[in-house]
Protein backbone atom coordinates (compact mmCIF):
# COMPACT_ATOMS: atom_id res chain seq x y z
CA UNK A 1 -53.42 -34.04 4.86
CA UNK A 2 -54.70 -32.04 7.82
CA UNK A 3 -51.84 -33.30 9.97
CA UNK A 4 -49.26 -32.31 7.35
CA UNK A 5 -50.76 -28.83 7.00
CA UNK A 6 -50.77 -28.43 10.74
CA UNK A 7 -47.13 -29.52 10.95
CA UNK A 8 -46.19 -27.00 8.27
CA UNK A 9 -48.13 -24.28 10.07
CA UNK A 10 -46.55 -25.11 13.41
CA UNK A 11 -43.09 -25.16 11.85
CA UNK A 12 -43.66 -21.79 10.23
CA UNK A 13 -44.99 -20.27 13.45
CA UNK A 14 -42.03 -21.71 15.33
CA UNK A 15 -39.60 -20.08 12.89
CA UNK A 16 -41.42 -16.76 13.15
CA UNK A 17 -41.34 -16.89 16.94
CA UNK A 18 -37.65 -17.79 16.91
CA UNK A 19 -36.84 -14.87 14.60
CA UNK A 20 -38.88 -12.49 16.76
CA UNK A 21 -37.18 -13.77 19.90
CA UNK A 22 -33.69 -13.44 18.40
CA UNK A 23 -34.47 -9.97 17.10
CA UNK A 24 -35.76 -8.92 20.49
CA UNK A 25 -32.62 -10.26 22.16
CA UNK A 26 -30.46 -8.49 19.58
CA UNK A 27 -32.14 -5.11 20.01
CA UNK A 28 -31.93 -5.48 23.77
CA UNK A 29 -28.27 -6.40 23.38
CA UNK A 30 -27.68 -3.19 21.41
CA UNK A 31 -29.51 -1.12 24.01
CA UNK A 32 -27.47 -2.56 26.86
CA UNK A 33 -24.02 -2.70 25.25
CA UNK A 34 -24.00 0.28 22.87
CA UNK A 35 -21.14 2.10 24.67
CA UNK A 36 -18.85 -0.91 24.25
CA UNK A 37 -19.92 -1.43 20.65
CA UNK A 38 -19.28 2.22 19.77
CA UNK A 39 -15.82 1.97 21.35
CA UNK A 40 -15.04 -1.13 19.27
CA UNK A 41 -16.28 0.54 16.08
CA UNK A 42 -14.13 3.61 16.73
CA UNK A 43 -11.20 1.30 17.36
CA UNK A 44 -11.83 -0.44 14.04
CA UNK A 45 -11.98 2.89 12.20
CA UNK A 46 -8.70 3.88 13.81
CA UNK A 47 -7.06 0.66 12.61
CA UNK A 48 -8.57 1.15 9.18
CA UNK A 49 -7.39 4.69 8.52
CA UNK A 50 -4.15 4.94 10.45
CA UNK A 51 -2.68 1.44 10.63
CA UNK A 52 -3.38 0.68 6.95
CA UNK A 53 -4.59 3.72 4.97
CA UNK A 54 -5.96 3.17 1.46
CA UNK A 55 -3.58 3.70 -1.48
CA UNK A 56 -3.75 7.09 -3.19
CA UNK A 57 -5.62 7.44 -6.46
CA UNK A 58 -3.14 9.96 -7.85
CA UNK A 59 0.64 9.43 -8.16
CA UNK A 60 3.29 11.70 -9.74
CA UNK A 61 6.21 10.21 -11.70
CA UNK A 62 9.23 12.34 -12.69
CA UNK A 63 10.43 11.31 -16.15
CA UNK A 64 13.01 13.50 -17.89
CA UNK A 65 13.28 16.02 -20.70
CA UNK A 66 10.24 16.50 -22.90
CA UNK A 67 10.30 14.23 -25.93
CA UNK A 68 12.90 11.91 -24.42
CA UNK A 69 12.72 8.15 -24.08
CA UNK A 70 11.81 8.41 -20.40
CA UNK A 71 8.73 10.45 -21.29
CA UNK A 72 7.66 7.76 -23.76
CA UNK A 73 8.26 5.09 -21.13
CA UNK A 74 6.28 7.13 -18.61
CA UNK A 75 3.30 7.22 -20.97
CA UNK A 76 3.27 3.42 -21.06
CA UNK A 77 3.29 3.32 -17.26
CA UNK A 78 0.49 5.87 -17.11
CA UNK A 79 -1.63 3.73 -19.43
CA UNK A 80 -0.99 0.67 -17.25
CA UNK A 81 -1.99 2.57 -14.10
CA UNK A 82 -5.12 3.90 -15.79
CA UNK A 83 -6.31 0.33 -16.37
CA UNK A 84 -5.95 -0.24 -12.62
CA UNK A 85 -7.98 2.83 -11.71
CA UNK A 86 -4.99 4.98 -10.66
CA UNK A 87 -3.97 8.28 -12.26
CA UNK A 88 -0.22 8.46 -12.92
CA UNK A 89 0.78 12.05 -13.66
CA UNK A 90 4.03 12.54 -15.59
CA UNK A 91 6.28 15.40 -14.47
CA UNK A 92 8.87 16.47 -17.10
CA UNK A 93 12.25 17.47 -15.62
CA UNK A 94 15.70 18.58 -16.74
CA UNK A 95 17.17 15.18 -15.94
CA UNK A 96 18.34 12.78 -13.29
CA UNK A 97 19.68 15.35 -10.83
CA UNK A 98 16.35 17.16 -10.69
CA UNK A 99 14.55 13.83 -10.30
CA UNK A 100 16.72 12.96 -7.30
CA UNK A 101 16.30 16.41 -5.77
CA UNK A 102 12.52 16.27 -6.06
CA UNK A 103 12.36 12.78 -4.56
CA UNK A 104 14.59 13.81 -1.66
CA UNK A 105 12.42 16.86 -0.94
CA UNK A 106 9.83 15.59 1.55
CA UNK A 107 7.45 18.39 0.59
CA UNK A 108 7.57 17.72 -3.15
CA UNK A 109 4.58 15.67 -4.42
CA UNK A 110 6.76 13.57 -6.76
CA UNK A 111 6.73 9.98 -5.49
CA UNK A 112 8.65 8.10 -8.21
CA UNK A 113 11.27 8.80 -10.85
CA UNK A 114 13.36 7.21 -13.59
CA UNK A 115 17.06 7.61 -12.71
CA UNK A 116 20.19 6.01 -14.17
CA UNK A 117 22.52 4.09 -11.89
CA UNK A 118 25.75 5.89 -11.08
CA UNK A 119 24.17 9.34 -11.16
CA UNK A 120 24.33 10.01 -7.44
CA UNK A 121 26.31 9.20 -4.34
CA UNK A 122 23.91 7.56 -1.91
CA UNK A 123 25.71 8.92 1.15
CA UNK A 124 23.73 11.73 2.74
CA UNK A 125 20.55 10.97 0.79
CA UNK A 126 17.63 9.73 2.82
CA UNK A 127 14.04 8.86 2.09
CA UNK A 128 14.68 7.28 -1.34
CA UNK A 129 14.47 3.59 -2.17
CA UNK A 130 14.88 1.56 -5.35
CA UNK A 131 12.31 -0.74 -6.91
CA UNK A 132 15.06 -2.16 -9.11
CA UNK A 133 16.46 -1.70 -12.61
CA UNK A 134 14.00 -1.69 -15.49
CA UNK A 135 16.16 -1.27 -18.61
CA UNK A 136 19.66 -1.06 -20.05
CA UNK A 137 20.91 2.37 -21.15
CA UNK A 138 24.01 1.89 -23.34
CA UNK A 139 26.67 4.59 -23.27
CA UNK A 140 27.18 5.53 -26.91
CA UNK A 141 30.01 7.65 -28.29
CA UNK A 142 29.51 8.59 -31.94
CA UNK A 143 32.07 10.57 -33.92
CA UNK A 144 32.56 11.66 -37.49
CA UNK A 145 34.46 9.40 -39.90
CA UNK A 146 34.42 8.42 -43.54
CA UNK A 147 34.30 4.67 -42.97
CA UNK A 148 32.31 3.17 -40.11
CA UNK A 149 33.95 -0.23 -40.67
CA UNK A 150 37.47 1.06 -40.07
CA UNK A 151 39.59 -0.83 -37.55
CA UNK A 152 41.89 2.10 -36.86
CA UNK A 153 40.66 2.66 -33.30
CA UNK A 154 40.82 -0.10 -30.73
CA UNK A 155 39.36 1.56 -27.65
CA UNK A 156 37.79 4.72 -26.43
CA UNK A 157 40.96 6.08 -24.85
CA UNK A 158 42.84 5.96 -28.15
CA UNK A 159 39.85 7.41 -29.99
CA UNK A 160 39.40 10.28 -27.56
CA UNK A 161 43.11 11.09 -27.69
CA UNK A 162 42.53 11.98 -31.35
CA UNK A 163 40.05 14.65 -30.23
CA UNK A 164 42.17 16.78 -27.90
CA UNK A 165 41.11 19.93 -29.70
CA UNK A 166 37.77 18.61 -30.94
CA UNK A 167 34.30 19.72 -29.95
CA UNK A 168 32.54 16.96 -27.96
CA UNK A 169 29.03 17.19 -26.57
CA UNK A 170 28.49 15.46 -23.22
CA UNK A 171 24.86 16.43 -22.64
CA UNK A 172 23.49 19.13 -20.39
CA UNK A 173 24.60 19.26 -16.72
CA UNK A 174 22.19 17.36 -14.50
CA UNK A 175 21.31 14.84 -17.18
CA UNK A 176 22.16 11.16 -17.16
CA UNK A 177 24.24 11.54 -20.32
CA UNK A 178 26.38 14.25 -18.71
CA UNK A 179 26.97 12.21 -15.55
CA UNK A 180 27.94 9.03 -17.41
CA UNK A 181 30.14 10.86 -19.93
CA UNK A 182 32.06 12.60 -17.16
CA UNK A 183 32.52 9.25 -15.37
CA UNK A 184 34.06 7.76 -18.51
CA UNK A 185 36.24 10.78 -19.30
CA UNK A 186 37.47 11.15 -15.74
CA UNK A 187 38.40 7.50 -15.27
CA UNK A 188 40.19 7.64 -18.66
CA UNK A 189 42.11 10.76 -17.63
CA UNK A 190 40.53 12.81 -20.42
CA UNK A 191 38.13 15.12 -18.59
CA UNK A 192 40.35 18.10 -19.52
CA UNK A 193 41.13 16.89 -23.03
CA UNK A 194 38.57 17.75 -25.73
CA UNK A 195 36.63 20.97 -25.97
CA UNK A 196 33.41 20.04 -24.17
CA UNK A 197 30.05 21.55 -25.09
CA UNK A 198 26.67 20.91 -23.48
CA UNK A 199 23.79 20.21 -25.83
CA UNK A 200 20.63 18.19 -25.29
CA UNK A 201 20.33 14.93 -27.18
CA UNK A 202 18.35 15.99 -30.27
CA UNK A 203 20.43 19.15 -30.82
CA UNK A 204 23.67 17.24 -30.38
CA UNK A 205 22.61 14.67 -33.00
CA UNK A 206 21.82 17.37 -35.55
CA UNK A 207 25.05 19.22 -34.80
CA UNK A 208 27.10 16.05 -35.30
CA UNK A 209 25.41 15.26 -38.61
CA UNK A 210 26.01 18.83 -39.82
CA UNK A 211 29.68 18.67 -38.91
CA UNK A 212 29.36 21.27 -36.15
CA UNK A 213 30.58 18.68 -33.59
CA UNK A 214 33.28 16.06 -33.82
CA UNK A 215 31.69 13.62 -31.41
CA UNK A 216 28.88 13.21 -28.93
CA UNK A 217 28.09 11.09 -25.92
CA UNK A 218 24.52 9.91 -25.63
CA UNK A 219 23.09 7.57 -23.00
CA UNK A 220 19.81 6.11 -24.14
CA UNK A 221 18.13 2.87 -25.06
CA UNK A 222 18.79 1.15 -28.38
CA UNK A 223 15.23 1.83 -29.57
CA UNK A 224 15.44 5.58 -28.84
CA UNK A 225 14.95 7.76 -31.98
CA UNK A 226 18.23 9.66 -31.43
CA UNK A 227 20.21 6.44 -31.18
CA UNK A 228 18.56 4.95 -34.27
CA UNK A 229 19.28 8.12 -36.24
CA UNK A 230 22.98 7.86 -35.39
CA UNK A 231 23.22 4.11 -36.03
CA UNK A 232 21.65 4.52 -39.47
CA UNK A 233 24.02 7.30 -40.54
CA UNK A 234 26.93 5.63 -42.46
CA UNK A 235 29.08 8.73 -42.11
CA UNK A 236 29.37 8.27 -38.35
CA UNK A 237 31.52 5.89 -36.34
CA UNK A 238 30.67 4.17 -33.08
CA UNK A 239 33.32 3.77 -30.39
CA UNK A 240 33.75 0.32 -28.94
CA UNK A 241 35.01 -0.48 -25.44
CA UNK A 242 37.65 -3.17 -25.83
CA UNK A 243 38.58 -2.63 -22.17
CA UNK A 244 34.97 -2.77 -21.02
CA UNK A 245 35.78 -5.26 -18.26
CA UNK A 246 38.21 -2.80 -16.71
CA UNK A 247 35.68 0.04 -16.84
CA UNK A 248 33.00 -2.18 -15.25
CA UNK A 249 35.44 -3.19 -12.53
CA UNK A 250 36.27 0.40 -11.68
CA UNK A 251 32.67 1.61 -11.98
CA UNK A 252 30.59 -1.24 -10.47
CA UNK A 253 27.26 0.22 -11.58
CA UNK A 254 28.19 -0.34 -15.24
CA UNK A 255 27.09 -3.37 -17.23
CA UNK A 256 28.76 -4.91 -20.30
CA UNK A 257 26.67 -5.47 -23.43
CA UNK A 258 27.90 -7.53 -26.35
CA UNK A 259 27.00 -6.85 -29.97
CA UNK A 260 27.88 -9.53 -32.56
CA UNK A 261 29.31 -8.74 -35.95
CA UNK A 262 26.53 -7.28 -38.11
CA UNK A 263 24.25 -6.99 -35.08
CA UNK A 264 23.11 -3.47 -35.93
CA UNK A 265 22.92 -4.05 -39.69
CA UNK A 266 23.66 -7.23 -41.63
CA UNK A 267 23.49 -5.33 -44.92
CA UNK A 268 26.25 -2.92 -43.85
CA UNK A 269 27.96 -5.57 -41.71
CA UNK A 270 27.76 -3.07 -38.89
CA UNK A 271 29.67 -3.48 -36.64
CA UNK A 272 32.33 -5.26 -38.65
CA UNK A 273 33.46 -7.29 -35.62
CA UNK A 274 32.14 -8.35 -32.22
CA UNK A 275 32.18 -5.37 -29.88
CA UNK A 276 31.48 -4.58 -26.25
CA UNK A 277 29.46 -1.61 -25.08
CA UNK A 278 29.25 -0.17 -21.62
CA UNK A 279 25.80 0.48 -20.24
CA UNK A 280 24.18 1.82 -17.15
CA UNK A 281 20.70 0.81 -16.02
CA UNK A 282 17.55 2.80 -15.53
CA UNK A 283 16.24 2.43 -12.00
CA UNK A 284 12.77 3.12 -10.71
CA UNK A 285 13.28 5.13 -7.54
CA UNK A 286 10.53 5.98 -5.08
CA UNK A 287 9.80 8.00 -1.99
CA UNK A 288 10.10 5.49 0.86
CA UNK A 289 6.68 6.62 2.15
CA UNK A 290 4.94 5.30 -0.96
CA UNK A 291 2.03 2.96 -0.21
CA UNK A 292 3.07 -0.71 -0.63
CA UNK A 293 0.15 -1.38 -2.98
CA UNK A 294 1.37 1.37 -5.36
CA UNK A 295 4.88 -0.08 -5.18
CA UNK A 296 3.55 -3.48 -6.23
CA UNK A 297 1.68 -1.74 -9.05
CA UNK A 298 4.91 -0.12 -10.30
CA UNK A 299 6.65 -3.50 -10.18
CA UNK A 300 3.79 -5.13 -12.10
CA UNK A 301 4.03 -2.36 -14.70
CA UNK A 302 7.79 -2.89 -14.97
CA UNK A 303 7.32 -6.62 -15.46
CA UNK A 304 4.69 -6.13 -18.16
CA UNK A 305 6.33 -3.19 -19.98
CA UNK A 306 10.06 -3.67 -19.41
CA UNK A 307 9.99 -7.44 -19.01
CA UNK A 308 9.57 -8.00 -22.73
CA UNK A 309 12.53 -9.10 -24.82
CA UNK A 310 14.48 -6.24 -26.44
CA UNK A 311 17.72 -5.83 -28.38
CA UNK A 312 19.88 -6.14 -25.26
CA UNK A 313 17.53 -7.68 -22.68
CA UNK A 314 16.06 -11.15 -22.53
CA UNK A 315 12.42 -11.73 -21.77
CA UNK A 316 11.79 -11.52 -18.04
CA UNK A 317 15.19 -9.97 -17.30
CA UNK A 318 13.57 -6.82 -15.90
CA UNK A 319 12.74 -5.67 -13.35
CA UNK A 320 16.12 -6.72 -12.02
CA UNK A 321 17.71 -5.87 -8.71
CA UNK A 322 21.13 -4.68 -9.81
CA UNK A 323 23.27 -2.24 -7.89
CA UNK A 324 21.66 1.20 -7.81
CA UNK A 325 23.62 2.71 -4.92
CA UNK A 326 20.42 3.10 -2.93
CA UNK A 327 18.62 0.76 -0.50
CA UNK A 328 16.07 -1.56 -2.04
CA UNK A 329 12.47 -1.26 -1.02
CA UNK A 330 11.26 -4.17 1.18
CA UNK A 331 8.37 -4.49 -1.26
CA UNK A 332 10.84 -4.97 -4.12
CA UNK A 333 12.70 -7.62 -2.10
CA UNK A 334 9.41 -9.45 -1.53
CA UNK A 335 8.54 -9.13 -5.22
CA UNK A 336 11.92 -10.55 -6.25
CA UNK A 337 11.46 -13.62 -4.04
CA UNK A 338 7.71 -14.23 -4.19
CA UNK A 339 6.26 -12.12 -7.00
CA UNK A 340 3.06 -10.12 -6.57
CA UNK A 341 0.63 -10.86 -3.76
CA UNK A 342 -1.66 -13.77 -4.59
CA UNK A 343 -4.78 -11.59 -4.50
CA UNK A 344 -3.39 -9.24 -7.19
CA UNK A 345 -3.00 -12.21 -9.52
CA UNK A 346 -6.68 -13.18 -9.39
CA UNK A 347 -8.62 -10.01 -8.56
CA UNK A 348 -8.75 -6.46 -9.91
CA UNK A 349 -6.33 -4.11 -8.16
CA UNK A 350 -8.94 -2.22 -6.14
CA UNK A 351 -10.66 -5.42 -4.95
CA UNK A 352 -7.38 -7.15 -4.08
CA UNK A 353 -6.27 -4.11 -2.09
CA UNK A 354 -9.64 -3.89 -0.30
CA UNK A 355 -9.48 -7.55 0.72
CA UNK A 356 -5.87 -7.17 1.82
CA UNK A 357 -6.72 -4.16 3.97
CA UNK A 358 -9.71 -5.94 5.49
CA UNK A 359 -7.54 -8.88 6.45
CA UNK A 360 -4.81 -6.60 7.79
CA UNK A 361 -7.29 -4.60 9.86
CA UNK A 362 -9.71 -7.31 10.94
CA UNK A 363 -7.16 -9.79 12.28
CA UNK A 364 -5.70 -7.54 14.99
CA UNK A 365 -9.12 -6.02 15.61
CA UNK A 366 -10.71 -9.43 16.15
CA UNK A 367 -7.81 -10.48 18.35
CA UNK A 368 -8.62 -7.53 20.58
CA UNK A 369 -12.40 -7.51 20.22
CA UNK A 370 -12.99 -11.25 20.55
CA UNK A 371 -12.31 -11.49 24.29
CA UNK A 372 -14.35 -8.34 24.82
CA UNK A 373 -17.31 -9.78 22.93
CA UNK A 374 -17.01 -13.03 24.87
CA UNK A 375 -17.50 -11.15 28.12
CA UNK A 376 -20.64 -9.37 26.91
CA UNK A 377 -23.15 -12.15 27.75
CA UNK A 378 -21.77 -12.33 31.29
CA UNK A 379 -21.78 -8.55 31.41
CA UNK A 380 -25.44 -8.46 30.40
CA UNK A 381 -26.40 -11.08 32.98
CA UNK A 382 -24.55 -9.30 35.77
CA UNK A 383 -26.06 -5.99 34.74
CA UNK A 384 -29.62 -7.40 34.73
CA UNK A 385 -29.08 -9.29 38.00
CA UNK A 386 -27.85 -6.08 39.58
CA UNK A 387 -31.03 -4.27 38.55
CA UNK A 388 -33.17 -7.09 39.95
CA UNK A 389 -31.17 -7.05 43.18
CA UNK A 390 -31.72 -3.31 43.48
CA UNK A 391 -35.49 -3.86 43.27
CA UNK A 392 -35.20 -6.70 45.81
CA UNK A 393 -33.30 -4.33 48.09
CA UNK A 394 -36.04 -1.72 47.83
CA UNK A 395 -38.69 -4.36 48.62
CA UNK A 396 -36.60 -5.51 51.59
CA UNK A 397 -36.54 -1.92 52.85
CA UNK A 398 -40.34 -1.72 52.66
CA UNK A 399 -40.53 -5.03 54.51
CA UNK A 400 -38.36 -3.75 57.34
CA UNK A 401 -40.33 -0.51 57.61
CA UNK A 402 -43.57 -2.49 57.86
CA UNK A 403 -42.00 -4.75 60.46
CA UNK A 404 -40.86 -1.86 62.63
CA UNK A 405 -44.32 -0.37 62.64
CA UNK A 406 -47.15 0.00 60.20
CA UNK A 407 -50.47 1.81 60.69
CA UNK A 408 -53.65 1.79 58.59
CA UNK A 409 -52.80 5.33 57.51
CA UNK A 410 -49.60 4.09 55.85
CA UNK A 411 -51.37 1.33 53.91
CA UNK A 412 -52.20 3.52 50.89
CA UNK A 413 -48.71 5.00 50.78
CA UNK A 414 -47.03 1.58 50.76
CA UNK A 415 -49.47 0.22 48.19
CA UNK A 416 -48.46 3.08 45.90
CA UNK A 417 -44.79 2.32 46.54
CA UNK A 418 -45.37 -1.34 45.71
CA UNK A 419 -47.24 -0.41 42.50
CA UNK A 420 -44.35 1.79 41.48
CA UNK A 421 -41.88 -0.98 42.33
CA UNK A 422 -43.84 -3.45 40.24
CA UNK A 423 -43.94 -0.96 37.37
CA UNK A 424 -40.15 -0.75 37.54
CA UNK A 425 -40.00 -4.55 37.43
CA UNK A 426 -42.33 -4.66 34.41
CA UNK A 427 -39.98 -2.38 32.48
CA UNK A 428 -37.17 -4.90 32.81
CA UNK A 429 -36.43 -6.88 29.65
CA UNK A 430 -34.64 -9.95 30.86
CA UNK A 431 -33.29 -12.88 28.83
CA UNK A 432 -35.04 -16.22 29.17
CA UNK A 433 -32.21 -17.56 31.29
CA UNK A 434 -33.20 -15.11 34.05
CA UNK A 435 -36.96 -15.54 33.84
CA UNK A 436 -37.02 -17.40 37.19
CA UNK A 437 -35.41 -14.48 39.03
CA UNK A 438 -37.70 -12.02 37.29
CA UNK A 439 -40.92 -13.79 38.22
CA UNK A 440 -39.68 -14.49 41.73
CA UNK A 441 -39.32 -10.72 42.19
CA UNK A 442 -42.82 -10.03 40.94
CA UNK A 443 -44.23 -12.81 43.11
CA UNK A 444 -42.54 -11.32 46.18
CA UNK A 445 -43.96 -7.87 45.38
CA UNK A 446 -47.43 -9.34 44.90
CA UNK A 447 -47.16 -11.25 48.20
CA UNK A 448 -46.41 -8.07 50.18
CA UNK A 449 -49.24 -6.25 48.43
CA UNK A 450 -51.69 -9.05 49.21
CA UNK A 451 -50.77 -8.91 52.89
CA UNK A 452 -51.37 -5.18 53.01
CA UNK A 453 -54.69 -5.45 51.16
CA UNK A 454 -55.94 -8.04 53.69
CA UNK A 455 -54.76 -5.91 56.57
CA UNK A 456 -52.36 -8.64 57.74
CA UNK A 457 -48.67 -8.38 58.60
CA UNK A 458 -46.49 -10.07 56.02
CA UNK A 459 -45.05 -12.42 58.62
CA UNK A 460 -48.39 -13.36 60.07
CA UNK A 461 -49.73 -14.35 56.64
CA UNK A 462 -46.85 -16.74 56.21
CA UNK A 463 -47.08 -18.17 59.72
CA UNK A 464 -43.71 -16.64 60.56
CA UNK A 465 -42.60 -14.79 63.63
CA UNK A 466 -41.50 -11.16 63.23
CA UNK A 467 -37.92 -12.23 63.98
CA UNK A 468 -37.78 -14.45 60.87
CA UNK A 469 -36.90 -12.60 57.65
CA UNK A 470 -39.03 -12.86 54.56
CA UNK A 471 -37.14 -14.81 51.87
CA UNK A 472 -37.31 -12.66 48.80
């Protein structure tokens, strides 16, 4: 039992001594290499903040007119971002043109916006990228009629020709509805035909129902309240695009949506035959300086919110990377091919981003710092050997001075010099690998002191001639 206790005690003491030794070496390492370590830390901070800054905690999204479908969609995005610890502020605007203008303004804080395809000409616009399409926006033309099931009108051109002197609302200038309506009218040769008025969506719907308008264009999603109000009014007719393929060919940003007979209402058999609708797509546009992590977050929100099945879209159809007229973000291209980063699938957003930034920063930092750290042990050894050699050089100088001529009067002075030299040696904290050099220095100092104390010349004590140097 005594032997076991002693073994345990010896083991414990050995561990304590090892820890103390390692700690002493570490503190000495810090004392000797602190300038290099501070430089490496500053370098790491530089990588951290400038090469890969953290994502912002506050992002501004331009939506559209207050009360519109884009505002409702923006609220869903804001709720998604809130769960991820990011504040998404919604900025109401007058429509797509204002959204584009604010994104293009490098001083404007807006970083993202909902914009319909076909609104702008991408030439001359810089600093804006697309994260892809997130929804279909059908182009609806409703007009007054006594029988919604009538087959009198075969296509929009024929229908619009009936309204040469009619009052038609095409939305307010700058809005998506206005832009798409003018595209359709212009390509049909009817932009100078009907009497055009500019009313926002809700006012146009009320005016049409009251008979104050003969027809209205509205570009909005099927689920939008204004669209549902018009579809449920049996006194109104819906134009169909029998030449939809031609329109889509001439305007490549347009999509063709098919509605089967009775698709809107089986009870009313509305529509009374299969029809085609033209539709644009809502695109999520961003400032190209947006942090990649926030871009991935927008794409995740689009997949969760807009990726659900709807009247016109299949599950998982959005986000889609259809033609927007603007360059796609490299992040969106990566998302289309590979999905979200692996870390975002298994960790909370903030933790995944922290790990990603650590990897991004630490890899190049370690590639640079590793060879520097490898040289530190050699640097420490050379530095300590240099200090020992300096003390050896001083002792050698004393030796030569004593050789050239020493008197009893100088004995006290040289003893003081040797004491001071030994004190300098005692202050050295050398690693174990250099203990031999350290004690050899102290032995040499003690040898010279002993010679002086006995009144003998250093060479005479060693049986050497004055012409033979003392090996220090």
